[in-house]
Amino acid sequence: MRMKYVFLMLTALGLMTFAFRLPLDTELLIQVRLPDGSPAKGIKVQQVQLERTSPRPQNYMCGVTSSEGELAIRFVPIQSQGDDRDGYGLYRFVLMPENLRWELSDMYYWNKDPWTDQVFMETNIWSSDVYQEQRKSPENANTNWSFGSLVRFTAGARHYWQVQLQSGSAARMLVEDQNGQPLANKNFSVFLDIGILSHTGYGGEIPIFSSQTDERGRLNLPHAGTFWYSFKLVGTDEYCRPDVPIFDAVVTGRCIDNAGVIRYFKRIPRSVTIFVRDKATQAAIAGADIGEIVSFNSMAQGGPIGKTGPDGRFATDRLFTEHVLQLFAAKEGYEDYKFDMKGLVPGSTYTFDLMPKK
């Protein structure tokens, strides 16, 4: 009883609070004004965790501004988390008004003190110095990674992001293939690219809207900011990223003075027929996997593109050969057969003899 009394007295005097105090919460107060200076009510705020330690969704709508044009976002230290609430990490926010330019916040960095290698092992996020180096890296020059400042959260403090909304420019992008031919009447999804180190996909993309090019390949982007945007070509596999045919047709571009050009790689479909048979018996092999090995980033990778039918044949008129090194046939019980693409003549039929495994 005496020890309990002494503990309570010391705590009341503030002499023992350091040893028992949990880390303090941090709050970001977002204050938004309309172009005329009045409070902006009902503005959607999207949160993106570029690097994180908690398994909470990294890209989600966290709320809308109040009648005073404000939204307070509270961050809870990992030590006091009993669920998947926000904790240490790297954050960025997006304001998404319907008829005004979208706004992108600074990057907010929150980690333990001091920032050491032990901190990295405990929280699995980088130090602010590493982030600063990444922001200045030449390879990130054409991204929003370097937009704004890197702001460190202070435990127990209130931070502010004060924004006055404004109209953006009605930008017009020109969409072409590698030969300078316009991509007319094509559907696109447009995303705001947040930062290159994101866990959310192509740099942490926030969908903005969908649109279609006109007969001259022009794509309008209303209320465009000076950001980098990602443009995804929808509903076709004939176009891909420049020089990377095996990926979706997503190209990043910047809208400045209606001079932006989005360029895609147009793939050329070719026809080929493959007949797969048992080398020993000459019998057709049904259900064999036909696949391709693709060269990408100095690595060979790939997978199946179809199967042989009951007659042992696989035929296609949509074989895209760019960056393809080999075709192969695979069937359980047989050695794989590989065909060098240098010998491919479009429209031809090739026989793949599979050797039974011993």
Protein backbone atom coordinates (compact mmCIF):
# COMPACT_ATOMS: atom_id res chain seq x y z
CA MET A 1 0.00 0.00 0.00
CA ARG A 2 2.89 2.35 0.83
CA MET A 3 4.59 1.69 -2.54
CA LYS A 4 1.31 2.38 -4.38
CA TYR A 5 0.96 5.69 -2.51
CA VAL A 6 4.52 6.72 -3.44
CA PHE A 7 3.90 5.78 -7.10
CA LEU A 8 0.73 7.86 -7.24
CA MET A 9 2.45 10.86 -5.62
CA LEU A 10 5.41 10.76 -8.01
CA THR A 11 3.08 10.41 -10.98
CA ALA A 12 1.05 13.40 -9.82
CA LEU A 13 4.24 15.45 -9.54
CA GLY A 14 5.22 14.49 -13.09
CA LEU A 15 8.37 12.68 -11.96
CA MET A 16 7.50 9.26 -13.39
CA THR A 17 5.45 10.05 -16.48
CA PHE A 18 8.34 9.56 -18.93
CA ALA A 19 8.68 5.86 -18.23
CA PHE A 20 4.96 5.13 -18.59
CA ARG A 21 3.85 7.57 -21.29
CA LEU A 22 2.70 6.12 -24.61
CA PRO A 23 3.67 7.89 -27.84
CA LEU A 24 1.29 10.74 -28.62
CA ASP A 25 -1.13 10.89 -31.53
CA THR A 26 -0.47 13.22 -34.45
CA GLU A 27 -3.16 15.20 -36.27
CA LEU A 28 -3.23 16.72 -39.74
CA LEU A 29 -5.88 19.42 -40.17
CA ILE A 30 -6.81 19.97 -43.82
CA GLN A 31 -8.34 23.42 -44.42
CA VAL A 32 -9.84 24.06 -47.86
CA ARG A 33 -11.16 27.28 -49.40
CA LEU A 34 -13.00 27.94 -52.65
CA PRO A 35 -11.51 30.34 -55.21
CA ASP A 36 -13.54 33.20 -53.65
CA GLY A 37 -12.10 32.46 -50.21
CA SER A 38 -15.20 30.87 -48.68
CA PRO A 39 -15.03 27.45 -46.95
CA ALA A 40 -15.12 24.50 -49.36
CA LYS A 41 -17.71 22.06 -48.04
CA GLY A 42 -17.98 18.42 -49.10
CA ILE A 43 -14.59 18.12 -50.86
CA LYS A 44 -13.47 14.51 -51.09
CA VAL A 45 -10.10 13.70 -49.54
CA GLN A 46 -8.18 10.62 -50.68
CA GLN A 47 -5.36 9.20 -48.57
CA VAL A 48 -2.48 7.23 -50.06
CA GLN A 49 0.09 5.41 -47.95
CA LEU A 50 3.22 5.35 -50.09
CA GLU A 51 5.11 3.27 -47.56
CA ARG A 52 3.43 1.65 -44.60
CA THR A 53 3.77 -0.82 -41.78
CA SER A 54 0.11 -1.44 -41.02
CA PRO A 55 -2.02 -3.63 -43.33
CA ARG A 56 -4.75 -1.01 -43.70
CA PRO A 57 -5.76 -0.27 -47.33
CA GLN A 58 -3.17 2.07 -48.77
CA ASN A 59 -5.42 4.00 -51.13
CA TYR A 60 -8.85 4.98 -49.85
CA MET A 61 -11.31 7.82 -49.35
CA CYS A 62 -10.79 9.09 -45.82
CA GLY A 63 -13.58 11.67 -45.69
CA VAL A 64 -15.02 14.98 -46.93
CA THR A 65 -14.54 18.49 -45.63
CA SER A 66 -17.03 19.95 -43.16
CA SER A 67 -19.16 23.09 -43.54
CA GLU A 68 -16.09 24.99 -42.32
CA GLY A 69 -14.04 23.43 -45.12
CA GLU A 70 -12.01 21.28 -42.74
CA LEU A 71 -11.13 17.64 -42.21
CA ALA A 72 -8.97 16.42 -39.32
CA ILE A 73 -7.01 13.20 -39.79
CA ARG A 74 -5.59 11.53 -36.70
CA PHE A 75 -2.57 9.21 -36.76
CA VAL A 76 -2.09 6.65 -34.00
CA PRO A 77 1.38 5.33 -33.05
CA ILE A 78 1.99 1.64 -33.63
CA GLN A 79 2.47 0.93 -29.91
CA SER A 80 -1.12 1.97 -29.17
CA GLN A 81 -2.74 0.29 -32.16
CA GLY A 82 -5.23 -2.41 -31.38
CA ASP A 83 -6.43 -2.68 -34.99
CA ASP A 84 -5.31 -1.67 -38.46
CA ARG A 85 -5.41 2.08 -37.95
CA ASP A 86 -2.82 4.41 -39.43
CA GLY A 87 0.66 4.27 -38.02
CA TYR A 88 4.19 5.02 -39.07
CA GLY A 89 4.73 5.50 -42.77
CA LEU A 90 4.79 7.94 -45.67
CA TYR A 91 1.52 9.63 -46.58
CA ARG A 92 0.09 11.87 -49.26
CA PHE A 93 -3.40 13.31 -49.70
CA VAL A 94 -5.45 14.35 -52.73
CA LEU A 95 -8.34 16.84 -52.80
CA MET A 96 -10.90 15.89 -55.43
CA PRO A 97 -13.38 18.71 -56.19
CA GLU A 98 -15.82 17.98 -59.00
CA ASN A 99 -15.43 21.15 -61.07
CA LEU A 100 -12.04 22.48 -59.99
CA ARG A 101 -8.43 21.34 -60.22
CA TRP A 102 -7.45 18.45 -58.01
CA GLU A 103 -4.77 19.25 -55.45
CA LEU A 104 -1.88 17.12 -54.25
CA SER A 105 -0.41 17.49 -50.77
CA ASP A 106 3.17 17.39 -49.58
CA MET A 107 4.57 14.03 -48.46
CA TYR A 108 4.15 13.48 -44.73
CA TYR A 109 6.75 11.28 -43.07
CA TRP A 110 6.27 9.73 -39.64
CA ASN A 111 8.74 7.41 -37.93
CA LYS A 112 10.16 6.74 -34.49
CA ASP A 113 12.93 8.78 -32.87
CA PRO A 114 15.80 8.64 -33.50
CA TRP A 115 15.96 7.66 -37.18
CA THR A 116 18.46 4.82 -37.09
CA ASP A 117 19.02 1.42 -38.67
CA GLN A 118 17.21 -0.10 -35.70
CA VAL A 119 14.21 2.07 -36.54
CA PHE A 120 14.21 0.66 -40.07
CA MET A 121 14.26 -2.91 -38.76
CA GLU A 122 11.39 -2.19 -36.39
CA THR A 123 9.19 -0.19 -38.75
CA ASN A 124 10.34 -1.41 -42.18
CA ILE A 125 10.30 2.08 -43.69
CA TRP A 126 13.17 4.17 -44.91
CA SER A 127 14.72 7.21 -43.28
CA SER A 128 13.89 10.70 -44.50
CA ASP A 129 17.37 10.99 -46.03
CA VAL A 130 16.63 8.06 -48.33
CA TYR A 131 13.34 9.60 -49.38
CA GLN A 132 15.05 12.89 -50.13
CA GLU A 133 17.56 11.06 -52.33
CA GLN A 134 14.75 9.29 -54.15
CA ARG A 135 12.91 12.57 -54.75
CA LYS A 136 16.02 14.08 -56.36
CA SER A 137 16.89 11.00 -58.41
CA PRO A 138 16.97 11.60 -62.20
CA GLU A 139 14.87 8.50 -62.78
CA ASN A 140 12.04 10.11 -60.80
CA ALA A 141 12.15 13.40 -62.66
CA ASN A 142 9.10 12.53 -64.75
CA THR A 143 6.90 11.61 -61.81
CA ASN A 144 5.03 13.36 -59.00
CA TRP A 145 7.50 11.88 -56.53
CA SER A 146 9.35 15.19 -56.39
CA PHE A 147 6.21 17.34 -56.12
CA GLY A 148 5.92 19.44 -52.96
CA SER A 149 7.97 19.04 -49.80
CA LEU A 150 8.80 16.20 -47.44
CA VAL A 151 7.26 17.11 -44.07
CA ARG A 152 8.06 15.21 -40.91
CA PHE A 153 5.20 14.55 -38.50
CA THR A 154 5.89 15.49 -34.89
CA ALA A 155 4.29 13.32 -32.21
CA GLY A 156 1.65 15.16 -30.22
CA ALA A 157 1.52 18.10 -32.63
CA ARG A 158 -1.11 19.40 -35.03
CA HIS A 159 0.00 19.91 -38.62
CA TYR A 160 -1.85 21.90 -41.27
CA TRP A 161 -2.46 21.65 -45.00
CA GLN A 162 -4.14 24.84 -46.16
CA VAL A 163 -5.39 24.93 -49.73
CA GLN A 164 -7.32 27.43 -51.87
CA LEU A 165 -8.90 25.61 -54.78
CA GLN A 166 -8.63 26.96 -58.30
CA SER A 167 -9.65 26.19 -61.84
CA GLY A 168 -7.22 24.12 -63.82
CA SER A 169 -6.44 24.37 -67.51
CA ALA A 170 -8.55 22.56 -70.08
CA ALA A 171 -5.62 20.58 -71.45
CA ARG A 172 -5.69 18.56 -74.64
CA MET A 173 -3.38 15.60 -75.13
CA LEU A 174 -2.50 14.12 -78.52
CA VAL A 175 -2.46 10.32 -78.59
CA GLU A 176 -0.31 8.57 -81.22
CA ASP A 177 1.38 5.27 -81.97
CA GLN A 178 5.12 4.87 -82.52
CA ASN A 179 4.69 5.86 -86.18
CA GLY A 180 2.96 9.15 -85.36
CA GLN A 181 -0.48 7.87 -86.37
CA PRO A 182 -3.37 9.13 -84.19
CA LEU A 183 -5.29 6.69 -82.00
CA ALA A 184 -8.79 7.82 -82.89
CA ASN A 185 -11.94 6.97 -80.91
CA LYS A 186 -10.08 5.03 -78.20
CA ASN A 187 -11.23 4.82 -74.58
CA PHE A 188 -8.88 5.89 -71.80
CA SER A 189 -8.86 5.87 -68.01
CA VAL A 190 -6.88 8.76 -66.52
CA PHE A 191 -5.11 8.54 -63.15
CA LEU A 192 -3.22 11.00 -60.98
CA ASP A 193 0.19 9.44 -60.36
CA ILE A 194 1.16 10.00 -56.70
CA GLY A 195 4.69 8.68 -56.21
CA ILE A 196 7.04 6.05 -57.53
CA LEU A 197 7.65 4.06 -54.32
CA SER A 198 4.01 3.31 -53.66
CA HIS A 199 2.68 -0.14 -52.85
CA THR A 200 -0.57 0.66 -54.66
CA GLY A 201 0.41 0.00 -58.26
CA TYR A 202 1.88 2.28 -60.90
CA GLY A 203 3.19 4.81 -58.43
CA GLY A 204 -0.01 5.11 -56.40
CA GLU A 205 -2.62 6.05 -58.94
CA ILE A 206 -5.87 7.83 -58.10
CA PRO A 207 -8.54 7.43 -60.83
CA ILE A 208 -9.78 10.78 -62.14
CA PHE A 209 -12.10 10.10 -65.05
CA SER A 210 -12.64 8.20 -68.29
CA SER A 211 -12.64 9.79 -71.72
CA GLN A 212 -12.35 9.03 -75.42
CA THR A 213 -10.13 10.43 -78.13
CA ASP A 214 -11.75 12.17 -81.07
CA GLU A 215 -11.23 11.35 -84.75
CA ARG A 216 -7.85 13.13 -84.66
CA GLY A 217 -6.58 11.29 -81.58
CA ARG A 218 -7.09 14.22 -79.20
CA LEU A 219 -7.94 13.58 -75.54
CA ASN A 220 -9.35 16.37 -73.39
CA LEU A 221 -8.33 16.65 -69.73
CA PRO A 222 -10.48 19.23 -67.88
CA HIS A 223 -9.07 21.10 -64.87
CA ALA A 224 -5.57 19.74 -65.40
CA GLY A 225 -2.82 20.62 -62.96
CA THR A 226 0.93 20.69 -63.45
CA PHE A 227 1.10 17.06 -62.37
CA TRP A 228 2.12 13.88 -64.12
CA TYR A 229 -0.88 11.78 -65.12
CA SER A 230 -1.17 8.14 -66.14
CA PHE A 231 -3.24 7.30 -69.21
CA LYS A 232 -4.45 3.72 -69.62
CA LEU A 233 -5.74 2.56 -72.97
CA VAL A 234 -8.84 0.45 -72.30
CA GLY A 235 -10.26 -2.52 -74.16
CA THR A 236 -7.46 -3.48 -76.56
CA ASP A 237 -4.27 -5.54 -76.49
CA GLU A 238 -2.98 -4.10 -79.77
CA TYR A 239 -1.24 -1.21 -78.01
CA CYS A 240 1.21 -1.31 -75.11
CA ARG A 241 3.71 0.87 -73.32
CA PRO A 242 6.55 1.97 -75.57
CA ASP A 243 9.11 -0.82 -75.93
CA VAL A 244 7.39 -2.95 -73.29
CA PRO A 245 4.76 -4.93 -75.23
CA ILE A 246 3.92 -7.42 -72.47
CA PHE A 247 2.46 -4.81 -70.13
CA ASP A 248 -0.82 -2.88 -70.11
CA ALA A 249 -0.96 0.22 -72.26
CA VAL A 250 -0.23 2.74 -69.49
CA VAL A 251 1.78 5.84 -70.34
CA THR A 252 2.66 8.73 -68.02
CA GLY A 253 2.47 12.26 -69.39
CA ARG A 254 2.31 15.88 -68.29
CA CYS A 255 -0.23 18.40 -69.52
CA ILE A 256 1.49 21.71 -70.27
CA ASP A 257 0.08 24.29 -72.70
CA ASN A 258 -1.81 21.65 -74.68
CA ALA A 259 1.51 20.27 -75.90
CA GLY A 260 1.34 16.85 -74.26
CA VAL A 261 1.79 13.80 -76.48
CA ILE A 262 0.95 10.26 -75.35
CA ARG A 263 2.67 7.62 -77.46
CA TYR A 264 1.89 3.90 -77.47
CA PHE A 265 3.53 0.92 -79.14
CA LYS A 266 1.26 -0.69 -81.74
CA ARG A 267 1.74 -4.42 -81.80
CA ILE A 268 1.35 -6.41 -85.02
CA PRO A 269 -0.67 -9.64 -84.71
CA ARG A 270 0.64 -12.60 -86.69
CA SER A 271 -0.75 -16.03 -87.50
CA VAL A 272 0.86 -19.38 -86.79
CA THR A 273 -0.19 -23.02 -86.41
CA ILE A 274 1.63 -25.48 -84.15
CA PHE A 275 1.22 -29.26 -84.34
CA VAL A 276 2.41 -31.14 -81.26
CA ARG A 277 3.11 -34.88 -81.42
CA ASP A 278 4.85 -37.69 -79.60
CA LYS A 279 8.31 -38.05 -81.13
CA ALA A 280 8.38 -41.79 -80.55
CA THR A 281 4.91 -42.73 -81.81
CA GLN A 282 4.14 -39.70 -84.04
CA ALA A 283 0.72 -39.52 -82.32
CA ALA A 284 -0.91 -36.12 -81.83
CA ILE A 285 -0.76 -34.76 -78.27
CA ALA A 286 -3.94 -33.06 -77.10
CA GLY A 287 -4.00 -30.60 -74.21
CA ALA A 288 -0.36 -29.56 -74.50
CA ASP A 289 0.43 -26.08 -73.23
CA ILE A 290 1.72 -23.64 -75.84
CA GLY A 291 3.61 -20.72 -74.38
CA GLU A 292 6.10 -17.97 -75.05
CA ILE A 293 9.34 -16.84 -73.44
CA VAL A 294 9.64 -13.04 -73.44
CA SER A 295 12.72 -10.86 -72.95
CA PHE A 296 12.05 -8.07 -70.47
CA ASN A 297 14.57 -6.05 -68.42
CA SER A 298 17.33 -8.48 -69.44
CA MET A 299 15.32 -11.37 -68.03
CA ALA A 300 13.55 -14.26 -69.74
CA GLN A 301 10.02 -14.86 -68.53
CA GLY A 302 6.68 -15.89 -69.90
CA GLY A 303 3.86 -18.39 -69.73
CA PRO A 304 1.18 -20.32 -71.64
CA ILE A 305 -0.86 -18.67 -74.38
CA GLY A 306 -3.09 -21.64 -75.22
CA LYS A 307 -3.49 -25.43 -75.53
CA THR A 308 -3.56 -27.89 -78.37
CA GLY A 309 -6.92 -29.34 -79.38
CA PRO A 310 -7.91 -33.02 -79.81
CA ASP A 311 -5.99 -33.08 -83.09
CA GLY A 312 -2.81 -31.82 -81.40
CA ARG A 313 -3.00 -28.44 -83.11
CA PHE A 314 -2.91 -24.89 -81.79
CA ALA A 315 -3.70 -22.06 -84.22
CA THR A 316 -3.89 -18.31 -83.69
CA ASP A 317 -3.97 -15.21 -85.83
CA ARG A 318 -3.11 -12.94 -82.86
CA LEU A 319 0.43 -13.91 -81.96
CA PHE A 320 2.34 -10.78 -80.94
CA THR A 321 6.02 -11.46 -81.51
CA GLU A 322 7.67 -8.28 -80.17
CA HIS A 323 10.25 -9.16 -77.50
CA VAL A 324 9.37 -12.87 -77.75
CA LEU A 325 12.47 -15.08 -77.71
CA GLN A 326 10.93 -18.55 -77.98
CA LEU A 327 7.71 -20.49 -78.25
CA PHE A 328 7.42 -23.71 -76.26
CA ALA A 329 5.22 -26.75 -75.87
CA ALA A 330 4.83 -28.55 -72.54
CA LYS A 331 2.93 -31.64 -71.49
CA GLU A 332 3.17 -33.79 -68.37
CA GLY A 333 5.29 -36.84 -69.07
CA TYR A 334 7.30 -35.13 -71.83
CA GLU A 335 10.36 -32.95 -72.12
CA ASP A 336 9.56 -29.34 -73.02
CA TYR A 337 10.06 -28.34 -76.64
CA LYS A 338 11.38 -24.86 -77.45
CA PHE A 339 11.28 -23.02 -80.78
CA ASP A 340 13.53 -20.05 -81.58
CA MET A 341 11.46 -17.09 -82.80
CA LYS A 342 14.20 -16.06 -85.22
CA GLY A 343 13.00 -18.84 -87.50
CA LEU A 344 9.32 -17.89 -87.40
CA VAL A 345 7.60 -17.22 -90.71
CA PRO A 346 4.08 -15.80 -90.11
CA GLY A 347 1.32 -17.99 -91.53
CA SER A 348 3.37 -21.17 -91.35
CA THR A 349 2.69 -24.47 -89.57
CA TYR A 350 5.36 -25.93 -87.27
CA THR A 351 5.64 -29.40 -85.80
CA PHE A 352 6.86 -29.76 -82.24
CA ASP A 353 8.05 -33.29 -81.43
CA LEU A 354 7.95 -33.93 -77.69
CA MET A 355 10.34 -36.51 -76.27
CA PRO A 356 8.75 -38.79 -73.61
CA LYS A 357 10.50 -38.58 -70.25
CA LYS A 358 12.38 -41.69 -69.18
